[in-house]
Amino acid sequence: MTPNWTAAEYLAMSRWWFAGFFNWIAATPWALAIIDFINIWGLMAIGLALMLGMFTRIALWGGMAMLTMFYISYPPFIGLNYGIPTEGHYLIVNKTGRYVPGHCLLHNRAPNQPPR
């Protein structure tokens, strides 16, 4: 673990609908301290609860809430460039470069055959 880790840079680079809210959190020390605490200990508590099979419904809702906040702060939409190198758009393209599961059927070739 990194002892001085903070979510400030992640929140400060946020764009989309609630960017002002996330930027405010990054600029406000007491709010950032709360978010850092919730992020670190929330992830550990949710993961531990799910691995042990205890309090699974609470962990489920907590995990969904955290994922929703991560998604709202950095949505994987085309056109929102965050200035970091990417391998592609994970919402649409996987690492093999195929756009849909039936890509080989659309182009009349075997899955391992190179494109023409």
N, C-alpha and C. Protein backbone atom coordinates (compact mmCIF):
# COMPACT_ATOMS: atom_id res chain seq x y z
N MET A 1 0.83 -1.18 0.00
CA MET A 1 0.00 0.00 0.00
C MET A 1 0.88 1.25 0.00
N THR A 2 0.40 2.25 -0.63
CA THR A 2 1.07 3.54 -0.64
C THR A 2 0.54 4.37 0.53
N PRO A 3 1.40 4.74 1.49
CA PRO A 3 0.89 5.42 2.68
C PRO A 3 0.30 6.80 2.42
N ASN A 4 0.77 7.50 1.42
CA ASN A 4 0.28 8.85 1.15
C ASN A 4 -0.68 8.90 -0.03
N TRP A 5 -1.33 7.78 -0.33
CA TRP A 5 -2.24 7.74 -1.47
C TRP A 5 -3.43 8.65 -1.22
N THR A 6 -3.89 9.30 -2.30
CA THR A 6 -5.09 10.13 -2.22
C THR A 6 -5.81 10.07 -3.56
N ALA A 7 -7.09 10.30 -3.52
CA ALA A 7 -7.91 10.30 -4.74
C ALA A 7 -7.99 11.68 -5.37
N ALA A 8 -7.18 12.62 -4.89
CA ALA A 8 -7.29 14.02 -5.34
C ALA A 8 -7.08 14.16 -6.84
N GLU A 9 -6.03 13.54 -7.39
CA GLU A 9 -5.77 13.68 -8.82
C GLU A 9 -6.87 13.04 -9.65
N TYR A 10 -7.34 11.88 -9.23
CA TYR A 10 -8.44 11.21 -9.93
C TYR A 10 -9.69 12.08 -9.95
N LEU A 11 -10.03 12.66 -8.82
CA LEU A 11 -11.22 13.50 -8.73
C LEU A 11 -11.06 14.82 -9.47
N ALA A 12 -9.85 15.39 -9.43
CA ALA A 12 -9.61 16.67 -10.09
C ALA A 12 -9.71 16.57 -11.61
N MET A 13 -9.40 15.40 -12.19
CA MET A 13 -9.47 15.22 -13.64
C MET A 13 -10.85 14.78 -14.12
N SER A 14 -11.81 14.69 -13.23
CA SER A 14 -13.14 14.23 -13.59
C SER A 14 -13.81 15.18 -14.58
N ARG A 15 -14.56 14.60 -15.49
CA ARG A 15 -15.38 15.36 -16.44
C ARG A 15 -16.76 14.73 -16.45
N TRP A 16 -17.67 15.35 -17.09
CA TRP A 16 -19.03 14.88 -17.30
C TRP A 16 -19.96 15.65 -16.38
N TRP A 17 -21.11 15.12 -16.06
CA TRP A 17 -22.16 15.87 -15.37
C TRP A 17 -21.76 16.39 -13.99
N PHE A 18 -21.16 15.56 -13.18
CA PHE A 18 -20.86 15.93 -11.80
C PHE A 18 -19.40 16.33 -11.60
N ALA A 19 -18.75 16.82 -12.65
CA ALA A 19 -17.34 17.20 -12.55
C ALA A 19 -17.12 18.29 -11.50
N GLY A 20 -18.03 19.23 -11.42
CA GLY A 20 -17.90 20.29 -10.41
C GLY A 20 -17.90 19.75 -9.00
N PHE A 21 -18.75 18.77 -8.74
CA PHE A 21 -18.81 18.15 -7.42
C PHE A 21 -17.52 17.41 -7.10
N PHE A 22 -17.03 16.61 -8.06
CA PHE A 22 -15.80 15.86 -7.83
C PHE A 22 -14.59 16.79 -7.73
N ASN A 23 -14.55 17.86 -8.50
CA ASN A 23 -13.47 18.84 -8.39
C ASN A 23 -13.51 19.55 -7.04
N TRP A 24 -14.72 19.82 -6.54
CA TRP A 24 -14.86 20.43 -5.22
C TRP A 24 -14.31 19.51 -4.14
N ILE A 25 -14.60 18.22 -4.25
CA ILE A 25 -14.07 17.26 -3.27
C ILE A 25 -12.54 17.27 -3.31
N ALA A 26 -11.97 17.29 -4.52
CA ALA A 26 -10.50 17.28 -4.65
C ALA A 26 -9.88 18.55 -4.07
N ALA A 27 -10.58 19.67 -4.12
CA ALA A 27 -10.04 20.93 -3.63
C ALA A 27 -10.30 21.18 -2.16
N THR A 28 -11.18 20.41 -1.54
CA THR A 28 -11.55 20.61 -0.14
C THR A 28 -10.87 19.54 0.72
N PRO A 29 -9.92 19.91 1.56
CA PRO A 29 -9.14 18.91 2.31
C PRO A 29 -9.98 17.98 3.20
N TRP A 30 -10.97 18.52 3.91
CA TRP A 30 -11.74 17.65 4.80
C TRP A 30 -12.62 16.69 4.02
N ALA A 31 -13.18 17.13 2.89
CA ALA A 31 -14.00 16.24 2.07
C ALA A 31 -13.14 15.17 1.41
N LEU A 32 -11.94 15.55 0.99
CA LEU A 32 -11.01 14.59 0.38
C LEU A 32 -10.57 13.54 1.39
N ALA A 33 -10.35 13.96 2.64
CA ALA A 33 -9.97 12.99 3.68
C ALA A 33 -11.09 11.98 3.91
N ILE A 34 -12.33 12.41 3.89
CA ILE A 34 -13.46 11.49 4.06
C ILE A 34 -13.54 10.52 2.88
N ILE A 35 -13.40 11.05 1.66
CA ILE A 35 -13.47 10.20 0.47
C ILE A 35 -12.32 9.20 0.44
N ASP A 36 -11.12 9.63 0.81
CA ASP A 36 -9.98 8.71 0.86
C ASP A 36 -10.23 7.58 1.86
N PHE A 37 -10.74 7.93 3.04
CA PHE A 37 -11.04 6.93 4.06
C PHE A 37 -12.10 5.94 3.56
N ILE A 38 -13.18 6.47 2.99
CA ILE A 38 -14.26 5.61 2.49
C ILE A 38 -13.76 4.72 1.36
N ASN A 39 -12.94 5.27 0.48
CA ASN A 39 -12.44 4.51 -0.64
C ASN A 39 -11.54 3.36 -0.18
N ILE A 40 -10.57 3.66 0.66
CA ILE A 40 -9.62 2.63 1.12
C ILE A 40 -10.33 1.56 1.95
N TRP A 41 -10.99 1.98 3.01
CA TRP A 41 -11.59 1.02 3.93
C TRP A 41 -12.87 0.41 3.36
N GLY A 42 -13.58 1.16 2.53
CA GLY A 42 -14.77 0.60 1.89
C GLY A 42 -14.43 -0.53 0.94
N LEU A 43 -13.40 -0.34 0.12
CA LEU A 43 -12.98 -1.41 -0.79
C LEU A 43 -12.53 -2.65 -0.02
N MET A 44 -11.78 -2.45 1.05
CA MET A 44 -11.33 -3.60 1.84
C MET A 44 -12.50 -4.30 2.52
N ALA A 45 -13.41 -3.54 3.09
CA ALA A 45 -14.56 -4.14 3.78
C ALA A 45 -15.48 -4.86 2.80
N ILE A 46 -15.74 -4.26 1.65
CA ILE A 46 -16.61 -4.89 0.66
C ILE A 46 -15.97 -6.17 0.14
N GLY A 47 -14.68 -6.11 -0.20
CA GLY A 47 -13.99 -7.30 -0.69
C GLY A 47 -13.95 -8.41 0.34
N LEU A 48 -13.65 -8.08 1.58
CA LEU A 48 -13.60 -9.08 2.65
C LEU A 48 -14.97 -9.69 2.89
N ALA A 49 -15.99 -8.87 2.92
CA ALA A 49 -17.35 -9.38 3.15
C ALA A 49 -17.77 -10.31 2.02
N LEU A 50 -17.45 -9.97 0.78
CA LEU A 50 -17.83 -10.83 -0.34
C LEU A 50 -17.03 -12.13 -0.35
N MET A 51 -15.74 -12.04 -0.01
CA MET A 51 -14.92 -13.27 0.02
C MET A 51 -15.35 -14.21 1.14
N LEU A 52 -15.72 -13.66 2.28
CA LEU A 52 -16.14 -14.49 3.41
C LEU A 52 -17.60 -14.89 3.34
N GLY A 53 -18.36 -14.26 2.47
CA GLY A 53 -19.78 -14.58 2.35
C GLY A 53 -20.60 -14.02 3.49
N MET A 54 -20.10 -12.99 4.14
CA MET A 54 -20.81 -12.38 5.26
C MET A 54 -21.32 -11.01 4.84
N PHE A 55 -22.52 -10.66 5.27
CA PHE A 55 -23.10 -9.35 4.96
C PHE A 55 -23.08 -9.08 3.45
N THR A 56 -23.41 -10.09 2.67
CA THR A 56 -23.27 -9.97 1.22
C THR A 56 -24.21 -8.92 0.62
N ARG A 57 -25.39 -8.79 1.15
CA ARG A 57 -26.31 -7.78 0.60
C ARG A 57 -25.81 -6.36 0.87
N ILE A 58 -25.29 -6.14 2.05
CA ILE A 58 -24.73 -4.83 2.36
C ILE A 58 -23.51 -4.56 1.48
N ALA A 59 -22.65 -5.58 1.34
CA ALA A 59 -21.46 -5.44 0.49
C ALA A 59 -21.84 -5.22 -0.96
N LEU A 60 -22.89 -5.89 -1.41
CA LEU A 60 -23.38 -5.72 -2.77
C LEU A 60 -23.80 -4.28 -3.03
N TRP A 61 -24.59 -3.74 -2.15
CA TRP A 61 -25.07 -2.36 -2.33
C TRP A 61 -23.93 -1.34 -2.17
N GLY A 62 -23.01 -1.62 -1.25
CA GLY A 62 -21.85 -0.74 -1.11
C GLY A 62 -20.96 -0.77 -2.35
N GLY A 63 -20.74 -1.96 -2.89
CA GLY A 63 -19.95 -2.09 -4.12
C GLY A 63 -20.62 -1.42 -5.30
N MET A 64 -21.94 -1.57 -5.40
CA MET A 64 -22.66 -0.92 -6.49
C MET A 64 -22.58 0.60 -6.37
N ALA A 65 -22.68 1.11 -5.15
CA ALA A 65 -22.59 2.56 -4.95
C ALA A 65 -21.21 3.08 -5.33
N MET A 66 -20.16 2.35 -4.93
CA MET A 66 -18.80 2.78 -5.27
C MET A 66 -18.56 2.72 -6.77
N LEU A 67 -18.98 1.64 -7.41
CA LEU A 67 -18.82 1.53 -8.87
C LEU A 67 -19.59 2.61 -9.60
N THR A 68 -20.77 2.95 -9.11
CA THR A 68 -21.54 4.03 -9.72
C THR A 68 -20.80 5.35 -9.63
N MET A 69 -20.20 5.63 -8.48
CA MET A 69 -19.45 6.87 -8.32
C MET A 69 -18.21 6.87 -9.22
N PHE A 70 -17.52 5.73 -9.33
CA PHE A 70 -16.36 5.65 -10.23
C PHE A 70 -16.80 5.87 -11.67
N TYR A 71 -17.92 5.27 -12.05
CA TYR A 71 -18.42 5.38 -13.41
C TYR A 71 -18.86 6.82 -13.72
N ILE A 72 -19.52 7.48 -12.76
CA ILE A 72 -19.97 8.86 -12.98
C ILE A 72 -18.78 9.80 -13.11
N SER A 73 -17.72 9.56 -12.35
CA SER A 73 -16.57 10.47 -12.41
C SER A 73 -15.73 10.24 -13.66
N TYR A 74 -15.65 9.03 -14.16
CA TYR A 74 -14.88 8.71 -15.38
C TYR A 74 -15.69 7.78 -16.27
N PRO A 75 -16.70 8.27 -16.95
CA PRO A 75 -17.50 7.38 -17.80
C PRO A 75 -16.71 6.95 -19.05
N PRO A 76 -16.85 5.71 -19.47
CA PRO A 76 -16.11 5.24 -20.65
C PRO A 76 -16.83 5.57 -21.95
N PHE A 77 -17.09 6.84 -22.19
CA PHE A 77 -17.79 7.25 -23.40
C PHE A 77 -16.80 7.73 -24.45
N ILE A 78 -17.13 7.50 -25.67
CA ILE A 78 -16.31 7.98 -26.78
C ILE A 78 -16.35 9.50 -26.77
N GLY A 79 -15.19 10.12 -26.95
CA GLY A 79 -15.10 11.56 -27.00
C GLY A 79 -14.64 12.20 -25.70
N LEU A 80 -14.69 11.47 -24.60
CA LEU A 80 -14.18 12.00 -23.34
C LEU A 80 -12.74 11.53 -23.19
N ASN A 81 -11.81 12.34 -23.60
CA ASN A 81 -10.39 11.99 -23.55
C ASN A 81 -9.80 12.53 -22.25
N TYR A 82 -9.17 11.68 -21.49
CA TYR A 82 -8.62 12.08 -20.21
C TYR A 82 -7.11 12.31 -20.25
N GLY A 83 -6.52 12.27 -21.43
CA GLY A 83 -5.11 12.56 -21.56
C GLY A 83 -4.19 11.44 -21.14
N ILE A 84 -4.73 10.23 -20.99
CA ILE A 84 -3.89 9.09 -20.65
C ILE A 84 -3.92 8.12 -21.81
N PRO A 85 -2.82 7.44 -22.09
CA PRO A 85 -2.83 6.50 -23.21
C PRO A 85 -3.74 5.32 -22.93
N THR A 86 -4.48 4.92 -23.92
CA THR A 86 -5.39 3.79 -23.78
C THR A 86 -5.14 2.80 -24.89
N GLU A 87 -5.59 1.59 -24.69
CA GLU A 87 -5.45 0.54 -25.69
C GLU A 87 -6.67 0.45 -26.58
N GLY A 88 -7.64 1.24 -26.33
CA GLY A 88 -8.89 1.17 -27.06
C GLY A 88 -10.01 1.56 -26.13
N HIS A 89 -11.20 1.39 -26.58
CA HIS A 89 -12.36 1.74 -25.78
C HIS A 89 -12.94 0.46 -25.21
N TYR A 90 -12.82 0.24 -23.91
CA TYR A 90 -13.20 -1.02 -23.29
C TYR A 90 -14.70 -1.27 -23.31
N LEU A 91 -15.50 -0.25 -23.50
CA LEU A 91 -16.94 -0.46 -23.56
C LEU A 91 -17.33 -1.13 -24.88
N ILE A 92 -16.54 -0.90 -25.93
CA ILE A 92 -16.89 -1.40 -27.25
C ILE A 92 -15.89 -2.43 -27.77
N VAL A 93 -14.59 -2.16 -27.64
CA VAL A 93 -13.56 -3.01 -28.23
C VAL A 93 -12.80 -3.74 -27.14
N ASN A 94 -12.60 -5.04 -27.33
CA ASN A 94 -11.78 -5.77 -26.38
C ASN A 94 -10.32 -5.75 -26.85
N LYS A 95 -9.42 -6.40 -26.15
CA LYS A 95 -8.00 -6.32 -26.48
C LYS A 95 -7.64 -7.05 -27.77
N THR A 96 -8.51 -7.88 -28.30
CA THR A 96 -8.21 -8.55 -29.56
C THR A 96 -8.56 -7.68 -30.75
N GLY A 97 -9.26 -6.58 -30.53
CA GLY A 97 -9.61 -5.69 -31.62
C GLY A 97 -10.90 -6.06 -32.30
N ARG A 98 -11.60 -7.05 -31.78
CA ARG A 98 -12.88 -7.44 -32.37
C ARG A 98 -13.98 -6.60 -31.74
N TYR A 99 -14.85 -6.09 -32.58
CA TYR A 99 -15.87 -5.15 -32.11
C TYR A 99 -17.10 -5.83 -31.53
N VAL A 100 -17.45 -6.98 -32.03
CA VAL A 100 -18.61 -7.72 -31.53
C VAL A 100 -18.23 -9.19 -31.42
N PRO A 101 -18.92 -9.97 -30.60
CA PRO A 101 -18.55 -11.38 -30.47
C PRO A 101 -18.59 -12.16 -31.78
N GLY A 102 -19.48 -11.83 -32.69
CA GLY A 102 -19.58 -12.53 -33.96
C GLY A 102 -18.78 -11.88 -35.08
N HIS A 103 -17.72 -11.18 -34.73
CA HIS A 103 -16.93 -10.45 -35.71
C HIS A 103 -16.43 -11.36 -36.84
N CYS A 104 -16.00 -12.59 -36.50
CA CYS A 104 -15.49 -13.48 -37.54
C CYS A 104 -16.62 -13.92 -38.47
N LEU A 105 -17.84 -13.97 -37.98
CA LEU A 105 -18.96 -14.34 -38.84
C LEU A 105 -19.31 -13.22 -39.81
N LEU A 106 -19.12 -11.99 -39.37
CA LEU A 106 -19.43 -10.86 -40.23
C LEU A 106 -18.43 -10.72 -41.38
N HIS A 107 -17.21 -11.19 -41.16
CA HIS A 107 -16.17 -11.01 -42.16
C HIS A 107 -15.75 -12.32 -42.83
N ASN A 108 -16.53 -13.38 -42.65
CA ASN A 108 -16.32 -14.68 -43.31
C ASN A 108 -14.90 -15.20 -43.14
N ARG A 109 -14.42 -15.29 -41.93
CA ARG A 109 -13.10 -15.86 -41.68
C ARG A 109 -13.08 -16.50 -40.31
N ALA A 110 -12.09 -17.37 -40.11
CA ALA A 110 -11.92 -18.05 -38.84
C ALA A 110 -11.41 -17.06 -37.79
N PRO A 111 -11.67 -17.31 -36.49
CA PRO A 111 -11.25 -16.36 -35.47
C PRO A 111 -9.75 -16.09 -35.44
N ASN A 112 -8.90 -17.08 -35.73
CA ASN A 112 -7.46 -16.90 -35.65
C ASN A 112 -6.83 -16.48 -36.98
N GLN A 113 -7.63 -16.37 -38.02
CA GLN A 113 -7.11 -16.00 -39.33
C GLN A 113 -6.92 -14.48 -39.39
N PRO A 114 -5.78 -14.02 -39.95
CA PRO A 114 -5.56 -12.58 -40.03
C PRO A 114 -6.53 -11.91 -40.99
N PRO A 115 -6.81 -10.63 -40.80
CA PRO A 115 -7.73 -9.93 -41.70
C PRO A 115 -7.14 -9.80 -43.10
N ARG A 116 -8.04 -9.71 -44.07
CA ARG A 116 -7.60 -9.59 -45.48
C ARG A 116 -7.26 -8.18 -45.83
